[in-house]
Amino acid sequence: MTNAHTPADAAEHTPATKTANKRFSTLVWGAVPIALLAVGMTMDHIPGTDIKLTVPYAAEGAGPTFDTLSEIQGTPVVDIEGAETLETGGQLNMTTVSVRTNMTLGQALARWAVTKDTLVPIEQVMPADRSEEETREFNQQMFVASEASATVAAMHYLGKPTTVNIHDVVKGAAADGILQQGDKILAIDSTPVAKPSAVQDVVFAKKPGETVDVTISRDGKEETKTVELKENPHEKGKPMLGILMDSEPADGLKVHYNLNDIGGPSAGMMFSLAVIDKLTPGELNGGKFVAGTGTINDDGEVGPIGGITHKIRGSRDEGAELFLAPKGNCDAVKQADAGDMTVAAVSTLQEAVDAMEAFAAGRDVPTCDG
C-alpha cells in the first residue's frame, strides 16, 4: 500500500519546517525560566510552604515629619501638666525614616530603580537574633526612653529640679533586697543627686566589696540604706550596684508625648526643644520652620542617628528652612541634597538653641563644612 500524504502532511516533514519547529520548541522551553523568574519576583513565599522568597534587604526612605509644637488628632504632640505653657510659633518638626521589609525581588528592584530609597542589609534594621515583633518592641522601648531623656534634658536646661527614680532592681545584684522599684534616690554617700549619671559617678569611683550609702524616699519616708557593691559580671574589677534608674521632673510637672507607631531614639532632641519652647517666653525657633533629628541624654548631649540623608530630603521637600543635624552624622550630611535649606551641625541642646537663634537673626550657623 502506498502511503498518501496531503500537502499539509508533506509540509510537516520539510527541512525548513523541522528547523522552525525546533526553534519554536527552544523559544518555548527557554521562556520557562523567565516566566518562573517573573513569578518568583512577585511571590513572597512558595505556595503551600513556609519557605520565604523575600530578599535579605530593607528599603529606607523619607518618612513623615511631625510638628512637635502642634497637635495630632486634637491632642498636643507634647503635652505638659503642672506648669503654665506659653505661646509658640513656627515649627519644630521631628523627622522619621520609612522602612520597608519582607520585599520580593521585584519590589526591591522597583524601589531601587524608581524611588530615592536606599537598600540596606536587613540586619541593619532587624538584628538576626530578634524577630520582627521583638525588633518593633525594642524600637518602641527606645522611643519611650528617649522621651524620658528629652524631658530631663529640658528640665536641666531650664534649671528645674528633677528626681532620680529606681525603675528596677537587678535580681541577685548588690541592691537586691535592699533597694526597691519606685524608691526615689535623694543622695548617695551624703551627696545630693538629681540625675542617674551622678549616682553612677559615685559608684564607679569605688571597688567591688566597698559600701555605698544610698539615701532614698520610700512611701514618703526618708531613709538611708547601706549597700555592699558587687563585681559587674560583664566587666571584671568594675563595681555594680544593680539598679536601673530614670529621672522625672520634680514638683509635679509631667510631660506626655502623644505620637504612636514611632520607634527609636532619634526624636529626643526635638522633643526637648519643644518642651523648652513651651515653658519659656518667645519663639525658640524665631518663628521659622525648623526640622531636625538626634538622640538626647540627660545631660543634653546630642547623638547621631540613622537615615539622616532621607530625613534631610523629607524636610527639604516639606519646606523646612533650617535642619538641626547631629555633628556625629556630618559625613552623611555632606552627601545629602538639602537644596536651599540650611543644615546646622550641633552636639548639645544648647548648640541647637544657639543655631536657631543665629538663623532667625540672619547670622551664620555652624555647619558640617565648618
Protein backbone atom coordinates (compact mmCIF):
# COMPACT_ATOMS: atom_id res chain seq x y z
CA MET A 1 0.00 0.00 0.00
CA THR A 2 1.27 3.38 -0.86
CA ASN A 3 1.04 5.99 1.77
CA ALA A 4 -0.61 9.13 0.55
CA HIS A 5 0.18 12.47 2.08
CA THR A 6 -1.86 15.59 1.95
CA PRO A 7 0.02 18.81 1.22
CA ALA A 8 -0.15 19.66 4.89
CA ASP A 9 1.38 16.35 5.87
CA ALA A 10 4.16 16.87 3.41
CA ALA A 11 4.90 20.33 4.75
CA GLU A 12 5.48 18.96 8.26
CA HIS A 13 8.44 16.98 7.06
CA THR A 14 10.26 19.59 5.01
CA PRO A 15 13.70 20.68 6.35
CA ALA A 16 12.51 24.27 6.76
CA THR A 17 9.54 23.16 8.80
CA LYS A 18 11.65 20.96 11.05
CA THR A 19 14.01 23.88 11.74
CA ALA A 20 11.10 26.18 12.55
CA ASN A 21 9.61 23.64 14.94
CA LYS A 22 12.95 23.23 16.68
CA ARG A 23 13.30 26.99 17.10
CA PHE A 24 9.74 27.26 18.42
CA SER A 25 10.43 24.49 20.94
CA THR A 26 13.63 26.23 22.03
CA LEU A 27 11.78 29.51 22.50
CA VAL A 28 9.02 27.86 24.48
CA TRP A 29 11.31 25.96 26.81
CA GLY A 30 13.69 28.92 27.04
CA ALA A 31 10.82 31.12 28.18
CA VAL A 32 10.03 28.81 31.09
CA PRO A 33 12.90 30.03 33.34
CA ILE A 34 12.00 33.63 32.51
CA ALA A 35 8.37 33.02 33.37
CA LEU A 36 9.34 31.29 36.62
CA LEU A 37 11.65 34.18 37.47
CA ALA A 38 8.86 36.68 36.77
CA VAL A 39 6.52 34.76 39.06
CA GLY A 40 9.23 34.40 41.71
CA MET A 41 9.83 38.15 41.67
CA THR A 42 6.24 38.77 42.76
CA MET A 43 5.82 35.94 45.31
CA ASP A 44 6.85 36.30 48.94
CA HIS A 45 6.73 32.55 49.66
CA ILE A 46 6.46 29.21 47.91
CA PRO A 47 2.77 28.25 47.81
CA GLY A 48 1.85 25.55 50.30
CA THR A 49 5.03 26.04 52.33
CA ASP A 50 6.56 28.43 54.87
CA ILE A 51 9.60 28.98 52.66
CA LYS A 52 10.05 32.71 52.09
CA LEU A 53 11.12 34.24 48.80
CA THR A 54 11.77 37.73 50.19
CA VAL A 55 15.14 39.41 49.77
CA PRO A 56 17.51 39.98 52.73
CA TYR A 57 17.33 43.76 52.30
CA ALA A 58 15.24 46.63 53.63
CA ALA A 59 14.35 49.82 51.76
CA GLU A 60 14.85 53.07 53.64
CA GLY A 61 13.27 56.31 52.51
CA ALA A 62 11.99 59.64 53.74
CA GLY A 63 9.20 59.21 56.29
CA PRO A 64 6.65 61.72 57.58
CA THR A 65 7.62 64.61 59.85
CA PHE A 66 5.62 65.82 62.85
CA ASP A 67 5.48 69.33 64.27
CA THR A 68 6.20 68.89 67.99
CA LEU A 69 4.56 72.27 68.69
CA SER A 70 1.24 71.35 67.12
CA GLU A 71 -1.49 68.77 67.70
CA ILE A 72 -2.24 65.34 66.36
CA GLN A 73 -5.87 64.23 66.29
CA GLY A 74 -6.76 67.15 68.56
CA THR A 75 -4.13 66.34 71.20
CA PRO A 76 -0.85 68.25 71.65
CA VAL A 77 2.12 66.24 70.40
CA VAL A 78 3.95 67.45 73.53
CA ASP A 79 1.52 67.93 76.42
CA ILE A 80 2.75 69.48 79.68
CA GLU A 81 0.92 69.24 83.01
CA GLY A 82 1.69 71.04 86.26
CA ALA A 83 3.15 74.18 84.69
CA GLU A 84 1.93 77.11 82.63
CA THR A 85 2.67 76.71 78.93
CA LEU A 86 3.30 79.70 76.71
CA GLU A 87 2.50 80.55 73.09
CA THR A 88 4.84 79.21 70.44
CA GLY A 89 5.30 79.95 66.74
CA GLY A 90 6.86 78.46 63.64
CA GLN A 91 7.50 74.73 63.53
CA LEU A 92 9.82 72.26 65.29
CA ASN A 93 9.45 69.10 63.24
CA MET A 94 10.80 65.73 64.30
CA THR A 95 11.67 63.55 61.33
CA THR A 96 11.35 59.86 60.55
CA VAL A 97 12.63 57.25 58.12
CA SER A 98 10.24 54.87 56.40
CA VAL A 99 11.45 51.26 56.42
CA ARG A 100 10.09 48.52 54.18
CA THR A 101 10.92 44.87 54.81
CA ASN A 102 9.67 41.48 53.56
CA MET A 103 10.06 42.64 49.96
CA THR A 104 10.03 40.37 46.94
CA LEU A 105 12.87 40.72 44.45
CA GLY A 106 10.60 42.67 42.13
CA GLN A 107 9.55 45.07 44.88
CA ALA A 108 13.15 45.66 45.94
CA LEU A 109 14.29 46.32 42.38
CA ALA A 110 11.36 48.67 41.81
CA ARG A 111 12.19 50.74 44.89
CA TRP A 112 15.85 50.90 43.83
CA ALA A 113 15.02 51.90 40.25
CA VAL A 114 12.03 54.20 40.68
CA THR A 115 12.33 55.82 44.13
CA LYS A 116 15.09 57.51 46.08
CA ASP A 117 15.06 54.76 48.70
CA THR A 118 18.28 53.02 49.59
CA LEU A 119 18.58 49.26 50.06
CA VAL A 120 20.42 48.17 53.20
CA PRO A 121 21.12 44.69 54.61
CA ILE A 122 18.14 43.57 56.66
CA GLU A 123 20.41 43.12 59.72
CA GLN A 124 20.76 46.90 59.94
CA VAL A 125 17.09 47.30 60.79
CA MET A 126 16.23 43.84 62.11
CA PRO A 127 19.07 42.08 64.01
CA ALA A 128 19.32 38.35 63.31
CA ASP A 129 18.82 37.47 66.98
CA ARG A 130 15.45 39.28 67.17
CA SER A 131 12.14 38.59 65.48
CA GLU A 132 10.21 41.31 63.67
CA GLU A 133 7.89 41.66 66.66
CA GLU A 134 10.83 41.78 69.11
CA THR A 135 12.51 44.44 66.97
CA ARG A 136 9.32 46.50 66.94
CA GLU A 137 9.04 46.24 70.74
CA PHE A 138 12.71 47.14 71.19
CA ASN A 139 12.35 50.23 68.99
CA GLN A 140 9.27 51.27 70.95
CA GLN A 141 11.18 50.92 74.22
CA MET A 142 13.96 53.06 72.79
CA PHE A 143 11.38 55.68 71.82
CA VAL A 144 9.91 55.74 75.34
CA ALA A 145 13.40 56.01 76.85
CA SER A 146 14.18 58.93 74.54
CA GLU A 147 11.04 60.69 75.73
CA ALA A 148 12.18 60.42 79.35
CA SER A 149 15.66 61.70 78.49
CA ALA A 150 14.16 64.54 76.47
CA THR A 151 12.14 65.69 79.47
CA VAL A 152 15.06 65.52 81.89
CA ALA A 153 17.42 67.27 79.47
CA ALA A 154 14.88 70.09 79.08
CA MET A 155 14.50 70.39 82.85
CA HIS A 156 18.26 70.64 83.32
CA TYR A 157 18.49 73.23 80.54
CA LEU A 158 15.79 75.29 82.26
CA GLY A 159 17.31 74.83 85.71
CA LYS A 160 14.24 73.00 87.01
CA PRO A 161 14.64 70.26 89.65
CA THR A 162 14.44 66.57 88.82
CA THR A 163 14.34 63.40 90.86
CA VAL A 164 16.09 60.06 90.32
CA ASN A 165 13.84 57.02 90.46
CA ILE A 166 14.70 53.33 90.70
CA HIS A 167 12.94 51.81 87.72
CA ASP A 168 14.01 48.24 88.52
CA VAL A 169 16.44 46.21 90.63
CA VAL A 170 18.57 43.50 89.02
CA LYS A 171 17.86 40.14 90.57
CA GLY A 172 20.82 38.86 92.60
CA ALA A 173 22.69 42.18 92.36
CA ALA A 174 24.08 44.13 95.32
CA ALA A 175 20.93 46.23 95.71
CA ASP A 176 18.55 43.26 95.51
CA GLY A 177 16.53 43.06 98.74
CA ILE A 178 17.77 46.45 99.94
CA LEU A 179 16.53 48.95 97.36
CA GLN A 180 13.16 48.67 95.63
CA GLN A 181 11.46 49.66 92.41
CA GLY A 182 9.82 53.04 92.98
CA ASP A 183 12.37 54.33 95.50
CA LYS A 184 13.47 57.91 94.87
CA ILE A 185 17.21 58.42 95.30
CA LEU A 186 17.87 61.67 97.14
CA ALA A 187 21.59 61.35 97.84
CA ILE A 188 24.48 58.93 97.61
CA ASP A 189 27.26 58.99 100.24
CA SER A 190 25.54 62.15 101.55
CA THR A 191 25.91 63.92 98.19
CA PRO A 192 22.52 65.08 96.75
CA VAL A 193 21.81 63.74 93.26
CA ALA A 194 19.41 64.94 90.58
CA LYS A 195 20.24 62.62 87.68
CA PRO A 196 21.30 58.98 87.23
CA SER A 197 24.77 59.88 85.99
CA ALA A 198 25.55 61.44 89.39
CA VAL A 199 24.75 58.13 91.08
CA GLN A 200 26.90 56.25 88.58
CA ASP A 201 29.85 58.61 89.12
CA VAL A 202 29.98 57.77 92.83
CA VAL A 203 29.54 54.03 92.30
CA PHE A 204 32.14 53.79 89.51
CA ALA A 205 34.71 55.54 91.72
CA LYS A 206 34.57 52.60 94.15
CA LYS A 207 35.70 48.98 94.05
CA PRO A 208 33.73 45.76 94.44
CA GLY A 209 33.37 44.99 98.17
CA GLU A 210 33.22 48.63 99.21
CA THR A 211 29.97 50.08 100.52
CA VAL A 212 27.83 52.97 99.40
CA ASP A 213 25.16 54.81 101.40
CA VAL A 214 22.01 55.46 99.38
CA THR A 215 19.52 57.94 100.82
CA ILE A 216 16.05 57.26 99.46
CA SER A 217 12.46 58.32 99.82
CA ARG A 218 10.11 55.36 100.15
CA ASP A 219 6.39 55.76 100.80
CA GLY A 220 7.03 59.38 101.79
CA LYS A 221 9.72 58.47 104.34
CA GLU A 222 13.39 59.32 104.03
CA GLU A 223 15.92 56.63 104.98
CA THR A 224 19.49 55.64 104.21
CA LYS A 225 20.44 52.15 103.02
CA THR A 226 24.00 50.79 103.04
CA VAL A 227 24.83 48.53 100.10
CA GLU A 228 28.00 46.46 99.61
CA LEU A 229 28.92 46.67 95.94
CA LYS A 230 29.42 43.51 93.90
CA GLU A 231 31.59 42.98 90.84
CA ASN A 232 29.98 43.60 87.48
CA PRO A 233 29.73 40.14 85.86
CA HIS A 234 30.39 41.68 82.45
CA GLU A 235 33.33 43.89 83.46
CA LYS A 236 35.92 42.33 85.70
CA GLY A 237 37.03 44.56 88.56
CA LYS A 238 34.20 47.05 88.00
CA PRO A 239 31.65 47.72 90.76
CA MET A 240 27.93 47.22 90.23
CA LEU A 241 25.04 48.49 92.35
CA GLY A 242 22.47 46.67 90.25
CA ILE A 243 19.67 49.17 89.68
CA LEU A 244 18.03 50.65 86.61
CA MET A 245 17.29 54.35 87.00
CA ASP A 246 15.29 57.07 85.31
CA SER A 247 14.57 60.70 86.05
CA GLU A 248 11.47 62.86 86.08
CA PRO A 249 10.67 66.48 86.84
CA ALA A 250 10.08 67.33 90.47
CA ASP A 251 7.21 69.43 91.86
CA GLY A 252 4.50 67.54 89.97
CA LEU A 253 5.43 68.67 86.46
CA LYS A 254 4.73 65.95 83.87
CA VAL A 255 5.31 65.76 80.13
CA HIS A 256 3.35 63.47 77.82
CA TYR A 257 4.36 62.68 74.23
CA ASN A 258 1.44 61.68 72.06
CA LEU A 259 2.91 60.06 68.98
CA ASN A 260 2.16 56.42 68.32
CA ASP A 261 3.72 53.89 65.97
CA ILE A 262 7.07 55.67 66.04
CA GLY A 263 10.20 53.79 67.11
CA GLY A 264 13.79 54.51 68.01
CA PRO A 265 15.52 57.27 69.99
CA SER A 266 16.11 59.85 67.25
CA ALA A 267 13.29 62.24 68.26
CA GLY A 268 14.93 63.07 71.59
CA MET A 269 16.47 66.43 70.72
CA MET A 270 13.37 67.79 69.00
CA PHE A 271 11.17 66.73 71.92
CA SER A 272 13.50 68.54 74.33
CA LEU A 273 13.37 71.70 72.24
CA ALA A 274 9.57 71.57 72.18
CA VAL A 275 9.40 71.30 75.99
CA ILE A 276 11.80 74.23 76.38
CA ASP A 277 9.83 76.32 73.86
CA LYS A 278 6.53 75.70 75.65
CA LEU A 279 7.97 76.66 79.05
CA THR A 280 9.84 79.83 78.02
CA PRO A 281 8.59 83.14 76.60
CA GLY A 282 9.10 83.96 72.94
CA GLU A 283 9.60 81.72 69.94
CA LEU A 284 12.59 79.42 70.35
CA ASN A 285 12.80 78.95 66.59
CA GLY A 286 12.30 82.64 65.80
CA GLY A 287 9.05 81.78 64.04
CA LYS A 288 10.90 79.74 61.41
CA PHE A 289 10.18 76.26 60.04
CA VAL A 290 12.83 74.15 61.76
CA ALA A 291 13.22 70.39 61.45
CA GLY A 292 15.81 68.09 62.91
CA THR A 293 16.86 64.83 64.47
CA GLY A 294 19.23 63.46 67.08
CA THR A 295 19.29 61.41 70.25
CA ILE A 296 19.49 63.18 73.60
CA ASN A 297 20.76 62.13 77.00
CA ASP A 298 20.00 63.55 80.43
CA ASP A 299 22.95 65.94 80.13
CA GLY A 300 21.67 67.43 76.87
CA GLU A 301 24.25 65.78 74.61
CA VAL A 302 23.03 65.15 71.05
CA GLY A 303 23.98 61.86 69.41
CA PRO A 304 23.99 60.58 65.80
CA ILE A 305 21.16 58.62 64.20
CA GLY A 306 20.50 56.54 61.08
CA GLY A 307 18.93 57.52 57.76
CA ILE A 308 19.78 61.20 58.03
CA THR A 309 20.03 61.76 54.27
CA HIS A 310 16.40 60.68 53.93
CA LYS A 311 15.36 62.91 56.84
CA ILE A 312 17.08 65.90 55.25
CA ARG A 313 15.41 65.22 51.91
CA GLY A 314 11.99 64.79 53.52
CA SER A 315 12.35 68.03 55.48
CA ARG A 316 13.55 69.91 52.40
CA ASP A 317 10.56 68.69 50.41
CA GLU A 318 8.17 69.82 53.18
CA GLY A 319 9.60 73.34 53.15
CA ALA A 320 11.82 73.43 56.23
CA GLU A 321 14.18 76.40 56.35
CA LEU A 322 16.66 75.05 58.92
CA PHE A 323 17.61 71.47 59.74
CA LEU A 324 19.35 70.57 63.01
CA ALA A 325 21.69 67.61 62.48
CA PRO A 326 23.98 65.85 64.97
CA LYS A 327 27.66 66.59 64.42
CA GLY A 328 28.25 62.85 64.58
CA ASN A 329 26.38 62.50 61.27
CA CYS A 330 28.42 65.07 59.36
CA ASP A 331 29.97 62.57 56.92
CA ALA A 332 26.50 61.54 55.75
CA VAL A 333 25.14 65.10 55.90
CA LYS A 334 27.73 66.21 53.34
CA GLN A 335 26.29 63.68 50.88
CA ALA A 336 22.69 64.88 51.29
CA ASP A 337 20.88 67.20 48.90
CA ALA A 338 19.48 69.91 51.18
CA GLY A 339 18.55 72.31 48.40
CA ASP A 340 18.09 75.82 49.81
CA MET A 341 17.59 74.50 53.34
CA THR A 342 20.36 75.32 55.84
CA VAL A 343 21.73 72.34 57.77
CA ALA A 344 23.28 73.18 61.15
CA ALA A 345 25.62 70.77 62.96
CA VAL A 346 25.03 70.53 66.73
CA SER A 347 26.31 68.34 69.54
CA THR A 348 24.35 69.71 72.51
CA LEU A 349 20.92 71.09 73.30
CA GLN A 350 22.48 74.50 73.89
CA GLU A 351 24.10 74.46 70.46
CA ALA A 352 20.74 73.64 68.89
CA VAL A 353 19.13 76.62 70.63
CA ASP A 354 22.02 78.87 69.61
CA ALA A 355 21.78 77.71 65.98
CA MET A 356 18.07 78.58 65.81
CA GLU A 357 18.70 81.97 67.36
CA ALA A 358 21.50 82.73 64.90
CA PHE A 359 19.45 81.59 61.91
CA ALA A 360 16.44 83.68 62.92
CA ALA A 361 18.71 86.72 63.29
CA GLY A 362 20.26 86.18 59.86
CA ARG A 363 23.67 85.18 61.22
CA ASP A 364 25.79 82.22 60.11
CA VAL A 365 25.15 78.92 61.81
CA PRO A 366 27.72 76.15 62.40
CA THR A 367 27.59 73.56 59.62
CA CYS A 368 29.37 70.33 58.74
CA ASP A 369 31.55 72.33 56.36
CA GLY A 370 32.95 74.36 59.24
